Amino acid sequence: MATTTSTSKPASQTPERSLDQRMEALRRANEIRSRRAQLKKDLKAGRASITQVIDQPPDFVMTAKVFDMLMAVPKYGKVKATRFLNTCRISQGKTIGGLSDRQRSELLELLRR
């Protein structure tokens, strides 16, 4: 029977945060969520353009998934959104801020048709 020896290394831990820092992070996260929700409502109502959001995304949208933003547009369901992403070779988990120049330009071209 083989025995394993393990050397005790301190596990990397996240830094301790003060209550003020945690509350500030929570406030920022809540603000981002509410601004994204409003943007999705605006997309659904036609007050915002998906091409504008993808071409020049505001800061609060940079970490949003492209798939989720497409789903907020009227007449874009799971099938159509998936087809668009597959055509442009974009993963469903890709964020708007994580799009490469090629992916962004191909998606914009497809959306503008």
PDB file of N, CA and C in Angstrom:
ATOM      1  N   MET A   1       0.846  -1.155   0.000  1.00  0.00           N
ATOM      2  CA  MET A   1       0.000   0.000   0.000  1.00  0.00           C
ATOM      3  C   MET A   1       0.901   1.230   0.000  1.00  0.00           C
ATOM      4  N   ALA A   2       0.615   2.133  -0.943  1.00  0.00           N
ATOM      5  CA  ALA A   2       1.428   3.337  -1.069  1.00  0.00           C
ATOM      6  C   ALA A   2       0.906   4.403  -0.124  1.00  0.00           C
ATOM      7  N   THR A   3       1.829   5.067   0.509  1.00  0.00           N
ATOM      8  CA  THR A   3       1.433   6.174   1.374  1.00  0.00           C
ATOM      9  C   THR A   3       1.878   7.467   0.721  1.00  0.00           C
ATOM     10  N   THR A   4       1.077   8.446   0.899  1.00  0.00           N
ATOM     11  CA  THR A   4       1.427   9.743   0.327  1.00  0.00           C
ATOM     12  C   THR A   4       1.786  10.691   1.447  1.00  0.00           C
ATOM     13  N   THR A   5       2.807  11.439   1.194  1.00  0.00           N
ATOM     14  CA  THR A   5       3.186  12.445   2.171  1.00  0.00           C
ATOM     15  C   THR A   5       2.815  13.795   1.603  1.00  0.00           C
ATOM     16  N   SER A   6       2.227  14.563   2.408  1.00  0.00           N
ATOM     17  CA  SER A   6       1.853  15.888   1.923  1.00  0.00           C
ATOM     18  C   SER A   6       2.533  16.922   2.796  1.00  0.00           C
ATOM     19  N   THR A   7       3.112  17.861   2.129  1.00  0.00           N
ATOM     20  CA  THR A   7       3.714  18.955   2.871  1.00  0.00           C
ATOM     21  C   THR A   7       2.644  19.995   3.085  1.00  0.00           C
ATOM     22  N   SER A   8       2.579  20.481   4.255  1.00  0.00           N
ATOM     23  CA  SER A   8       1.528  21.430   4.609  1.00  0.00           C
ATOM     24  C   SER A   8       1.888  22.810   4.095  1.00  0.00           C
ATOM     25  N   LYS A   9       1.158  23.248   3.094  1.00  0.00           N
ATOM     26  CA  LYS A   9       1.352  24.583   2.550  1.00  0.00           C
ATOM     27  C   LYS A   9       0.138  25.413   2.916  1.00  0.00           C
ATOM     28  N   PRO A  10       0.354  26.655   3.230  1.00  0.00           N
ATOM     29  CA  PRO A  10      -0.820  27.480   3.536  1.00  0.00           C
ATOM     30  C   PRO A  10      -1.685  27.643   2.288  1.00  0.00           C
ATOM     31  N   ALA A  11      -2.952  27.379   2.444  1.00  0.00           N
ATOM     32  CA  ALA A  11      -3.883  27.509   1.316  1.00  0.00           C
ATOM     33  C   ALA A  11      -4.043  28.988   0.991  1.00  0.00           C
ATOM     34  N   SER A  12      -4.094  29.282  -0.293  1.00  0.00           N
ATOM     35  CA  SER A  12      -4.281  30.687  -0.650  1.00  0.00           C
ATOM     36  C   SER A  12      -5.714  31.075  -0.315  1.00  0.00           C
ATOM     37  N   GLN A  13      -5.833  32.144   0.397  1.00  0.00           N
ATOM     38  CA  GLN A  13      -7.143  32.585   0.832  1.00  0.00           C
ATOM     39  C   GLN A  13      -7.410  33.957   0.244  1.00  0.00           C
ATOM     40  N   THR A  14      -8.689  34.242   0.118  1.00  0.00           N
ATOM     41  CA  THR A  14      -9.041  35.575  -0.342  1.00  0.00           C
ATOM     42  C   THR A  14      -8.726  36.552   0.779  1.00  0.00           C
ATOM     43  N   PRO A  15      -8.333  37.750   0.411  1.00  0.00           N
ATOM     44  CA  PRO A  15      -7.982  38.698   1.458  1.00  0.00           C
ATOM     45  C   PRO A  15      -9.205  39.064   2.295  1.00  0.00           C
ATOM     46  N   GLU A  16      -8.952  39.300   3.543  1.00  0.00           N
ATOM     47  CA  GLU A  16     -10.039  39.720   4.428  1.00  0.00           C
ATOM     48  C   GLU A  16     -10.511  41.100   3.996  1.00  0.00           C
ATOM     49  N   ARG A  17     -11.808  41.282   3.976  1.00  0.00           N
ATOM     50  CA  ARG A  17     -12.363  42.575   3.595  1.00  0.00           C
ATOM     51  C   ARG A  17     -13.131  43.144   4.774  1.00  0.00           C
ATOM     52  N   SER A  18     -13.052  44.416   4.895  1.00  0.00           N
ATOM     53  CA  SER A  18     -13.789  45.066   5.977  1.00  0.00           C
ATOM     54  C   SER A  18     -15.268  45.113   5.614  1.00  0.00           C
ATOM     55  N   LEU A  19     -16.077  45.391   6.587  1.00  0.00           N
ATOM     56  CA  LEU A  19     -17.515  45.496   6.357  1.00  0.00           C
ATOM     57  C   LEU A  19     -17.807  46.592   5.331  1.00  0.00           C
ATOM     58  N   ASP A  20     -17.108  47.702   5.413  1.00  0.00           N
ATOM     59  CA  ASP A  20     -17.304  48.796   4.456  1.00  0.00           C
ATOM     60  C   ASP A  20     -16.983  48.357   3.028  1.00  0.00           C
ATOM     61  N   GLN A  21     -15.896  47.605   2.874  1.00  0.00           N
ATOM     62  CA  GLN A  21     -15.523  47.130   1.535  1.00  0.00           C
ATOM     63  C   GLN A  21     -16.560  46.155   1.001  1.00  0.00           C
ATOM     64  N   ARG A  22     -17.057  45.268   1.838  1.00  0.00           N
ATOM     65  CA  ARG A  22     -18.075  44.314   1.400  1.00  0.00           C
ATOM     66  C   ARG A  22     -19.368  45.027   1.033  1.00  0.00           C
ATOM     67  N   MET A  23     -19.746  46.007   1.817  1.00  0.00           N
ATOM     68  CA  MET A  23     -20.970  46.750   1.530  1.00  0.00           C
ATOM     69  C   MET A  23     -20.842  47.553   0.235  1.00  0.00           C
ATOM     70  N   GLU A  24     -19.672  48.110  -0.016  1.00  0.00           N
ATOM     71  CA  GLU A  24     -19.440  48.852  -1.265  1.00  0.00           C
ATOM     72  C   GLU A  24     -19.507  47.916  -2.466  1.00  0.00           C
ATOM     73  N   ALA A  25     -18.909  46.733  -2.356  1.00  0.00           N
ATOM     74  CA  ALA A  25     -18.960  45.753  -3.439  1.00  0.00           C
ATOM     75  C   ALA A  25     -20.402  45.316  -3.691  1.00  0.00           C
ATOM     76  N   LEU A  26     -21.158  45.113  -2.643  1.00  0.00           N
ATOM     77  CA  LEU A  26     -22.560  44.723  -2.768  1.00  0.00           C
ATOM     78  C   LEU A  26     -23.370  45.833  -3.429  1.00  0.00           C
ATOM     79  N   ARG A  27     -23.116  47.077  -3.049  1.00  0.00           N
ATOM     80  CA  ARG A  27     -23.817  48.218  -3.641  1.00  0.00           C
ATOM     81  C   ARG A  27     -23.517  48.310  -5.134  1.00  0.00           C
ATOM     82  N   ARG A  28     -22.241  48.141  -5.517  1.00  0.00           N
ATOM     83  CA  ARG A  28     -21.854  48.192  -6.940  1.00  0.00           C
ATOM     84  C   ARG A  28     -22.513  47.065  -7.724  1.00  0.00           C
ATOM     85  N   ALA A  29     -22.513  45.862  -7.155  1.00  0.00           N
ATOM     86  CA  ALA A  29     -23.124  44.714  -7.837  1.00  0.00           C
ATOM     87  C   ALA A  29     -24.617  44.932  -8.028  1.00  0.00           C
ATOM     88  N   ASN A  30     -25.284  45.452  -7.015  1.00  0.00           N
ATOM     89  CA  ASN A  30     -26.719  45.719  -7.129  1.00  0.00           C
ATOM     90  C   ASN A  30     -26.999  46.791  -8.170  1.00  0.00           C
ATOM     91  N   GLU A  31     -26.157  47.812  -8.218  1.00  0.00           N
ATOM     92  CA  GLU A  31     -26.331  48.869  -9.216  1.00  0.00           C
ATOM     93  C   GLU A  31     -26.171  48.318 -10.635  1.00  0.00           C
ATOM     94  N   ILE A  32     -25.170  47.473 -10.823  1.00  0.00           N
ATOM     95  CA  ILE A  32     -24.938  46.869 -12.147  1.00  0.00           C
ATOM     96  C   ILE A  32     -26.131  46.009 -12.543  1.00  0.00           C
ATOM     97  N   ARG A  33     -26.634  45.200 -11.615  1.00  0.00           N
ATOM     98  CA  ARG A  33     -27.788  44.344 -11.916  1.00  0.00           C
ATOM     99  C   ARG A  33     -29.012  45.164 -12.287  1.00  0.00           C
ATOM    100  N   SER A  34     -29.262  46.240 -11.557  1.00  0.00           N
ATOM    101  CA  SER A  34     -30.453  47.046 -11.863  1.00  0.00           C
ATOM    102  C   SER A  34     -30.288  47.791 -13.190  1.00  0.00           C
ATOM    103  N   ARG A  35     -29.078  48.246 -13.499  1.00  0.00           N
ATOM    104  CA  ARG A  35     -28.861  48.935 -14.779  1.00  0.00           C
ATOM    105  C   ARG A  35     -28.989  47.957 -15.954  1.00  0.00           C
ATOM    106  N   ARG A  36     -28.507  46.724 -15.761  1.00  0.00           N
ATOM    107  CA  ARG A  36     -28.670  45.704 -16.813  1.00  0.00           C
ATOM    108  C   ARG A  36     -30.141  45.358 -17.009  1.00  0.00           C
ATOM    109  N   ALA A  37     -30.870  45.245 -15.913  1.00  0.00           N
ATOM    110  CA  ALA A  37     -32.296  44.930 -16.015  1.00  0.00           C
ATOM    111  C   ALA A  37     -33.021  46.036 -16.777  1.00  0.00           C
ATOM    112  N   GLN A  38     -32.682  47.293 -16.506  1.00  0.00           N
ATOM    113  CA  GLN A  38     -33.293  48.408 -17.216  1.00  0.00           C
ATOM    114  C   GLN A  38     -32.925  48.374 -18.695  1.00  0.00           C
ATOM    115  N   LEU A  39     -31.658  48.037 -19.003  1.00  0.00           N
ATOM    116  CA  LEU A  39     -31.231  47.948 -20.399  1.00  0.00           C
ATOM    117  C   LEU A  39     -32.003  46.849 -21.121  1.00  0.00           C
ATOM    118  N   LYS A  40     -32.213  45.712 -20.470  1.00  0.00           N
ATOM    119  CA  LYS A  40     -32.980  44.625 -21.084  1.00  0.00           C
ATOM    120  C   LYS A  40     -34.421  45.064 -21.355  1.00  0.00           C
ATOM    121  N   LYS A  41     -35.004  45.815 -20.424  1.00  0.00           N
ATOM    122  CA  LYS A  41     -36.357  46.344 -20.644  1.00  0.00           C
ATOM    123  C   LYS A  41     -36.361  47.305 -21.830  1.00  0.00           C
ATOM    124  N   ASP A  42     -35.329  48.145 -21.921  1.00  0.00           N
ATOM    125  CA  ASP A  42     -35.224  49.094 -23.037  1.00  0.00           C
ATOM    126  C   ASP A  42     -35.038  48.373 -24.364  1.00  0.00           C
ATOM    127  N   LEU A  43     -34.249  47.296 -24.369  1.00  0.00           N
ATOM    128  CA  LEU A  43     -34.077  46.500 -25.591  1.00  0.00           C
ATOM    129  C   LEU A  43     -35.418  45.882 -25.992  1.00  0.00           C
ATOM    130  N   LYS A  44     -36.114  45.333 -25.028  1.00  0.00           N
ATOM    131  CA  LYS A  44     -37.397  44.680 -25.303  1.00  0.00           C
ATOM    132  C   LYS A  44     -38.426  45.677 -25.837  1.00  0.00           C
ATOM    133  N   ALA A  45     -38.377  46.917 -25.324  1.00  0.00           N
ATOM    134  CA  ALA A  45     -39.338  47.944 -25.734  1.00  0.00           C
ATOM    135  C   ALA A  45     -38.896  48.699 -26.987  1.00  0.00           C
ATOM    136  N   GLY A  46     -37.687  48.436 -27.476  1.00  0.00           N
ATOM    137  CA  GLY A  46     -37.207  49.119 -28.668  1.00  0.00           C
ATOM    138  C   GLY A  46     -36.596  50.485 -28.394  1.00  0.00           C
ATOM    139  N   ARG A  47     -36.385  50.820 -27.125  1.00  0.00           N
ATOM    140  CA  ARG A  47     -35.781  52.112 -26.781  1.00  0.00           C
ATOM    141  C   ARG A  47     -34.260  52.073 -26.853  1.00  0.00           C
ATOM    142  N   ALA A  48     -33.685  50.867 -26.949  1.00  0.00           N
ATOM    143  CA  ALA A  48     -32.237  50.699 -27.064  1.00  0.00           C
ATOM    144  C   ALA A  48     -31.959  49.754 -28.228  1.00  0.00           C
ATOM    145  N   SER A  49     -30.798  49.901 -28.806  1.00  0.00           N
ATOM    146  CA  SER A  49     -30.408  49.089 -29.960  1.00  0.00           C
ATOM    147  C   SER A  49     -29.334  48.078 -29.551  1.00  0.00           C
ATOM    148  N   ILE A  50     -29.556  46.815 -29.888  1.00  0.00           N
ATOM    149  CA  ILE A  50     -28.580  45.779 -29.559  1.00  0.00           C
ATOM    150  C   ILE A  50     -27.264  46.021 -30.281  1.00  0.00           C
ATOM    151  N   THR A  51     -27.326  46.559 -31.505  1.00  0.00           N
ATOM    152  CA  THR A  51     -26.072  46.826 -32.227  1.00  0.00           C
ATOM    153  C   THR A  51     -25.261  47.909 -31.519  1.00  0.00           C
ATOM    154  N   GLN A  52     -25.940  48.901 -30.975  1.00  0.00           N
ATOM    155  CA  GLN A  52     -25.251  49.960 -30.229  1.00  0.00           C
ATOM    156  C   GLN A  52     -24.618  49.397 -28.954  1.00  0.00           C
ATOM    157  N   VAL A  53     -25.349  48.529 -28.268  1.00  0.00           N
ATOM    158  CA  VAL A  53     -24.850  47.931 -27.030  1.00  0.00           C
ATOM    159  C   VAL A  53     -23.614  47.084 -27.298  1.00  0.00           C
ATOM    160  N   ILE A  54     -23.617  46.335 -28.391  1.00  0.00           N
ATOM    161  CA  ILE A  54     -22.478  45.475 -28.708  1.00  0.00           C
ATOM    162  C   ILE A  54     -21.316  46.287 -29.277  1.00  0.00           C
ATOM    163  N   ASP A  55     -21.618  47.293 -30.083  1.00  0.00           N
ATOM    164  CA  ASP A  55     -20.574  48.105 -30.697  1.00  0.00           C
ATOM    165  C   ASP A  55     -19.863  48.993 -29.681  1.00  0.00           C
ATOM    166  N   GLN A  56     -20.621  49.665 -28.840  1.00  0.00           N
ATOM    167  CA  GLN A  56     -20.048  50.571 -27.840  1.00  0.00           C
ATOM    168  C   GLN A  56     -20.690  50.288 -26.487  1.00  0.00           C
ATOM    169  N   PRO A  57     -20.295  49.175 -25.861  1.00  0.00           N
ATOM    170  CA  PRO A  57     -20.961  48.769 -24.616  1.00  0.00           C
ATOM    171  C   PRO A  57     -20.626  49.688 -23.450  1.00  0.00           C
ATOM    172  N   PRO A  58     -21.646  50.048 -22.664  1.00  0.00           N
ATOM    173  CA  PRO A  58     -21.369  50.779 -21.430  1.00  0.00           C
ATOM    174  C   PRO A  58     -20.643  49.867 -20.439  1.00  0.00           C
ATOM    175  N   ASP A  59     -19.996  50.443 -19.446  1.00  0.00           N
ATOM    176  CA  ASP A  59     -19.214  49.656 -18.479  1.00  0.00           C
ATOM    177  C   ASP A  59     -20.021  48.560 -17.804  1.00  0.00           C
ATOM    178  N   PHE A  60     -21.269  48.847 -17.449  1.00  0.00           N
ATOM    179  CA  PHE A  60     -22.057  47.873 -16.699  1.00  0.00           C
ATOM    180  C   PHE A  60     -22.481  46.674 -17.542  1.00  0.00           C
ATOM    181  N   VAL A  61     -22.230  46.705 -18.845  1.00  0.00           N
ATOM    182  CA  VAL A  61     -22.609  45.592 -19.723  1.00  0.00           C
ATOM    183  C   VAL A  61     -21.397  44.726 -20.082  1.00  0.00           C
ATOM    184  N   MET A  62     -20.212  45.185 -19.784  1.00  0.00           N
ATOM    185  CA  MET A  62     -19.001  44.478 -20.199  1.00  0.00           C
ATOM    186  C   MET A  62     -18.947  43.028 -19.714  1.00  0.00           C
ATOM    187  N   THR A  63     -19.466  42.744 -18.534  1.00  0.00           N
ATOM    188  CA  THR A  63     -19.413  41.376 -18.004  1.00  0.00           C
ATOM    189  C   THR A  63     -20.714  40.605 -18.234  1.00  0.00           C
ATOM    190  N   ALA A  64     -21.645  41.184 -18.988  1.00  0.00           N
ATOM    191  CA  ALA A  64     -22.894  40.498 -19.306  1.00  0.00           C
ATOM    192  C   ALA A  64     -22.664  39.517 -20.457  1.00  0.00           C
ATOM    193  N   LYS A  65     -23.374  38.429 -20.448  1.00  0.00           N
ATOM    194  CA  LYS A  65     -23.254  37.436 -21.521  1.00  0.00           C
ATOM    195  C   LYS A  65     -23.946  37.949 -22.780  1.00  0.00           C
ATOM    196  N   VAL A  66     -23.289  37.739 -23.925  1.00  0.00           N
ATOM    197  CA  VAL A  66     -23.848  38.147 -25.215  1.00  0.00           C
ATOM    198  C   VAL A  66     -25.192  37.450 -25.421  1.00  0.00           C
ATOM    199  N   PHE A  67     -25.257  36.176 -25.089  1.00  0.00           N
ATOM    200  CA  PHE A  67     -26.479  35.389 -25.260  1.00  0.00           C
ATOM    201  C   PHE A  67     -27.640  36.023 -24.490  1.00  0.00           C
ATOM    202  N   ASP A  68     -27.388  36.440 -23.246  1.00  0.00           N
ATOM    203  CA  ASP A  68     -28.449  37.045 -22.433  1.00  0.00           C
ATOM    204  C   ASP A  68     -28.941  38.357 -23.032  1.00  0.00           C
ATOM    205  N   MET A  69     -28.037  39.141 -23.576  1.00  0.00           N
ATOM    206  CA  MET A  69     -28.428  40.411 -24.189  1.00  0.00           C
ATOM    207  C   MET A  69     -29.243  40.163 -25.466  1.00  0.00           C
ATOM    208  N   LEU A  70     -28.849  39.168 -26.246  1.00  0.00           N
ATOM    209  CA  LEU A  70     -29.609  38.835 -27.458  1.00  0.00           C
ATOM    210  C   LEU A  70     -31.009  38.352 -27.098  1.00  0.00           C
ATOM    211  N   MET A  71     -31.120  37.599 -26.007  1.00  0.00           N
ATOM    212  CA  MET A  71     -32.415  37.063 -25.598  1.00  0.00           C
ATOM    213  C   MET A  71     -33.377  38.179 -25.184  1.00  0.00           C
ATOM    214  N   ALA A  72     -32.857  39.349 -24.842  1.00  0.00           N
ATOM    215  CA  ALA A  72     -33.708  40.466 -24.421  1.00  0.00           C
ATOM    216  C   ALA A  72     -34.327  41.192 -25.613  1.00  0.00           C
ATOM    217  N   VAL A  73     -33.824  40.910 -26.824  1.00  0.00           N
ATOM    218  CA  VAL A  73     -34.320  41.589 -28.018  1.00  0.00           C
ATOM    219  C   VAL A  73     -35.572  40.872 -28.517  1.00  0.00           C
ATOM    220  N   PRO A  74     -36.620  41.640 -28.865  1.00  0.00           N
ATOM    221  CA  PRO A  74     -37.827  41.003 -29.396  1.00  0.00           C
ATOM    222  C   PRO A  74     -37.522  40.170 -30.648  1.00  0.00           C
ATOM    223  N   LYS A  75     -38.203  39.064 -30.778  1.00  0.00           N
ATOM    224  CA  LYS A  75     -38.064  38.134 -31.902  1.00  0.00           C
ATOM    225  C   LYS A  75     -36.755  37.357 -31.887  1.00  0.00           C
ATOM    226  N   TYR A  76     -36.001  37.444 -30.798  1.00  0.00           N
ATOM    227  CA  TYR A  76     -34.776  36.661 -30.655  1.00  0.00           C
ATOM    228  C   TYR A  76     -34.999  35.667 -29.524  1.00  0.00           C
ATOM    229  N   GLY A  77     -35.209  34.418 -29.900  1.00  0.00           N
ATOM    230  CA  GLY A  77     -35.359  33.368 -28.909  1.00  0.00           C
ATOM    231  C   GLY A  77     -34.070  32.591 -28.774  1.00  0.00           C
ATOM    232  N   LYS A  78     -34.140  31.479 -28.063  1.00  0.00           N
ATOM    233  CA  LYS A  78     -32.952  30.654 -27.856  1.00  0.00           C
ATOM    234  C   LYS A  78     -32.374  30.153 -29.172  1.00  0.00           C
ATOM    235  N   VAL A  79     -33.234  29.735 -30.069  1.00  0.00           N
ATOM    236  CA  VAL A  79     -32.768  29.156 -31.330  1.00  0.00           C
ATOM    237  C   VAL A  79     -32.036  30.199 -32.173  1.00  0.00           C
ATOM    238  N   LYS A  80     -32.643  31.354 -32.339  1.00  0.00           N
ATOM    239  CA  LYS A  80     -32.043  32.392 -33.170  1.00  0.00           C
ATOM    240  C   LYS A  80     -30.759  32.929 -32.538  1.00  0.00           C
ATOM    241  N   ALA A  81     -30.775  33.156 -31.229  1.00  0.00           N
ATOM    242  CA  ALA A  81     -29.583  33.657 -30.543  1.00  0.00           C
ATOM    243  C   ALA A  81     -28.439  32.644 -30.654  1.00  0.00           C
ATOM    244  N   THR A  82     -28.753  31.371 -30.467  1.00  0.00           N
ATOM    245  CA  THR A  82     -27.732  30.322 -30.581  1.00  0.00           C
ATOM    246  C   THR A  82     -27.193  30.243 -31.997  1.00  0.00           C
ATOM    247  N   ARG A  83     -28.080  30.354 -32.985  1.00  0.00           N
ATOM    248  CA  ARG A  83     -27.643  30.308 -34.389  1.00  0.00           C
ATOM    249  C   ARG A  83     -26.696  31.469 -34.697  1.00  0.00           C
ATOM    250  N   PHE A  84     -27.027  32.666 -34.228  1.00  0.00           N
ATOM    251  CA  PHE A  84     -26.175  33.831 -34.451  1.00  0.00           C
ATOM    252  C   PHE A  84     -24.800  33.628 -33.818  1.00  0.00           C
ATOM    253  N   LEU A  85     -24.788  33.142 -32.573  1.00  0.00           N
ATOM    254  CA  LEU A  85     -23.509  32.936 -31.898  1.00  0.00           C
ATOM    255  C   LEU A  85     -22.681  31.853 -32.590  1.00  0.00           C
ATOM    256  N   ASN A  86     -23.332  30.771 -33.009  1.00  0.00           N
ATOM    257  CA  ASN A  86     -22.616  29.699 -33.699  1.00  0.00           C
ATOM    258  C   ASN A  86     -22.057  30.177 -35.041  1.00  0.00           C
ATOM    259  N   THR A  87     -22.834  30.984 -35.761  1.00  0.00           N
ATOM    260  CA  THR A  87     -22.386  31.507 -37.045  1.00  0.00           C
ATOM    261  C   THR A  87     -21.116  32.350 -36.878  1.00  0.00           C
ATOM    262  N   CYS A  88     -21.064  33.101 -35.788  1.00  0.00           N
ATOM    263  CA  CYS A  88     -19.912  33.979 -35.529  1.00  0.00           C
ATOM    264  C   CYS A  88     -18.835  33.294 -34.690  1.00  0.00           C
ATOM    265  N   ARG A  89     -19.019  32.008 -34.421  1.00  0.00           N
ATOM    266  CA  ARG A  89     -18.085  31.222 -33.605  1.00  0.00           C
ATOM    267  C   ARG A  89     -17.853  31.882 -32.242  1.00  0.00           C
ATOM    268  N   ILE A  90     -18.963  32.158 -31.557  1.00  0.00           N
ATOM    269  CA  ILE A  90     -18.928  32.759 -30.236  1.00  0.00           C
ATOM    270  C   ILE A  90     -19.559  31.778 -29.253  1.00  0.00           C
ATOM    271  N   SER A  91     -18.881  31.513 -28.165  1.00  0.00           N
ATOM    272  CA  SER A  91     -19.400  30.635 -27.119  1.00  0.00           C
ATOM    273  C   SER A  91     -20.587  31.295 -26.431  1.00  0.00           C
ATOM    274  N   GLN A  92     -21.539  30.478 -25.974  1.00  0.00           N
ATOM    275  CA  GLN A  92     -22.706  31.028 -25.276  1.00  0.00           C
ATOM    276  C   GLN A  92     -22.315  31.679 -23.958  1.00  0.00           C
ATOM    277  N   GLY A  93     -21.175  31.337 -23.420  1.00  0.00           N
ATOM    278  CA  GLY A  93     -20.723  31.911 -22.163  1.00  0.00           C
ATOM    279  C   GLY A  93     -19.888  33.172 -22.326  1.00  0.00           C
ATOM    280  N   LYS A  94     -19.684  33.602 -23.558  1.00  0.00           N
ATOM    281  CA  LYS A  94     -18.830  34.768 -23.818  1.00  0.00           C
ATOM    282  C   LYS A  94     -19.497  36.049 -23.350  1.00  0.00           C
ATOM    283  N   THR A  95     -18.704  36.908 -22.729  1.00  0.00           N
ATOM    284  CA  THR A  95     -19.224  38.200 -22.285  1.00  0.00           C
ATOM    285  C   THR A  95     -19.040  39.238 -23.389  1.00  0.00           C
ATOM    286  N   ILE A  96     -19.789  40.310 -23.304  1.00  0.00           N
ATOM    287  CA  ILE A  96     -19.688  41.369 -24.307  1.00  0.00           C
ATOM    288  C   ILE A  96     -18.290  41.979 -24.289  1.00  0.00           C
ATOM    289  N   GLY A  97     -17.739  42.156 -23.101  1.00  0.00           N
ATOM    290  CA  GLY A  97     -16.386  42.703 -22.994  1.00  0.00           C
ATOM    291  C   GLY A  97     -15.317  41.739 -23.475  1.00  0.00           C
ATOM    292  N   GLY A  98     -15.627  40.449 -23.503  1.00  0.00           N
ATOM    293  CA  GLY A  98     -14.660  39.436 -23.909  1.00  0.00           C
ATOM    294  C   GLY A  98     -14.658  39.126 -25.396  1.00  0.00           C
ATOM    295  N   LEU A  99     -15.511  39.799 -26.165  1.00  0.00           N
ATOM    296  CA  LEU A  99     -15.557  39.554 -27.606  1.00  0.00           C
ATOM    297  C   LEU A  99     -14.279  40.065 -28.273  1.00  0.00           C
ATOM    298  N   SER A 100     -13.750  39.275 -29.190  1.00  0.00           N
ATOM    299  CA  SER A 100     -12.610  39.740 -29.978  1.00  0.00           C
ATOM    300  C   SER A 100     -13.125  40.709 -31.042  1.00  0.00           C
ATOM    301  N   ASP A 101     -12.222  41.430 -31.674  1.00  0.00           N
ATOM    302  CA  ASP A 101     -12.623  42.364 -32.731  1.00  0.00           C
ATOM    303  C   ASP A 101     -13.347  41.633 -33.858  1.00  0.00           C
ATOM    304  N   ARG A 102     -12.843  40.445 -34.219  1.00  0.00           N
ATOM    305  CA  ARG A 102     -13.475  39.662 -35.281  1.00  0.00           C
ATOM    306  C   ARG A 102     -14.884  39.252 -34.885  1.00  0.00           C
ATOM    307  N   GLN A 103     -15.031  38.720 -33.677  1.00  0.00           N
ATOM    308  CA  GLN A 103     -16.341  38.275 -33.214  1.00  0.00           C
ATOM    309  C   GLN A 103     -17.326  39.440 -33.161  1.00  0.00           C
ATOM    310  N   ARG A 104     -16.851  40.565 -32.645  1.00  0.00           N
ATOM    311  CA  ARG A 104     -17.720  41.740 -32.526  1.00  0.00           C
ATOM    312  C   ARG A 104     -18.170  42.212 -33.906  1.00  0.00           C
ATOM    313  N   SER A 105     -17.242  42.318 -34.851  1.00  0.00           N
ATOM    314  CA  SER A 105     -17.603  42.821 -36.183  1.00  0.00           C
ATOM    315  C   SER A 105     -18.506  41.836 -36.932  1.00  0.00           C
ATOM    316  N   GLU A 106     -18.247  40.524 -36.811  1.00  0.00           N
ATOM    317  CA  GLU A 106     -19.103  39.529 -37.473  1.00  0.00           C
ATOM    318  C   GLU A 106     -20.515  39.555 -36.894  1.00  0.00           C
ATOM    319  N   LEU A 107     -20.613  39.665 -35.571  1.00  0.00           N
ATOM    320  CA  LEU A 107     -21.923  39.696 -34.932  1.00  0.00           C
ATOM    321  C   LEU A 107     -22.684  40.959 -35.321  1.00  0.00           C
ATOM    322  N   LEU A 108     -22.011  42.077 -35.338  1.00  0.00           N
ATOM    323  CA  LEU A 108     -22.662  43.343 -35.736  1.00  0.00           C
ATOM    324  C   LEU A 108     -23.149  43.271 -37.165  1.00  0.00           C
ATOM    325  N   GLU A 109     -22.331  42.696 -38.048  1.00  0.00           N
ATOM    326  CA  GLU A 109     -22.729  42.556 -39.450  1.00  0.00           C
ATOM    327  C   GLU A 109     -23.965  41.676 -39.581  1.00  0.00           C
ATOM    328  N   LEU A 110     -23.994  40.593 -38.825  1.00  0.00           N
ATOM    329  CA  LEU A 110     -25.142  39.675 -38.860  1.00  0.00           C
ATOM    330  C   LEU A 110     -26.412  40.340 -38.307  1.00  0.00           C
ATOM    331  N   LEU A 111     -26.256  41.111 -37.241  1.00  0.00           N
ATOM    332  CA  LEU A 111     -27.412  41.775 -36.610  1.00  0.00           C
ATOM    333  C   LEU A 111     -27.970  42.902 -37.470  1.00  0.00           C
ATOM    334  N   ARG A 112     -27.125  43.510 -38.271  1.00  0.00           N
ATOM    335  CA  ARG A 112     -27.577  44.645 -39.091  1.00  0.00           C
ATOM    336  C   ARG A 112     -28.272  44.211 -40.368  1.00  0.00           C
ATOM    337  N   ARG A 113     -28.283  42.924 -40.672  1.00  0.00           N
ATOM    338  CA  ARG A 113     -28.955  42.438 -41.893  1.00  0.00           C
ATOM    339  C   ARG A 113     -30.440  42.558 -41.784  1.00  0.00           C
TER     340      ARG A 113
END
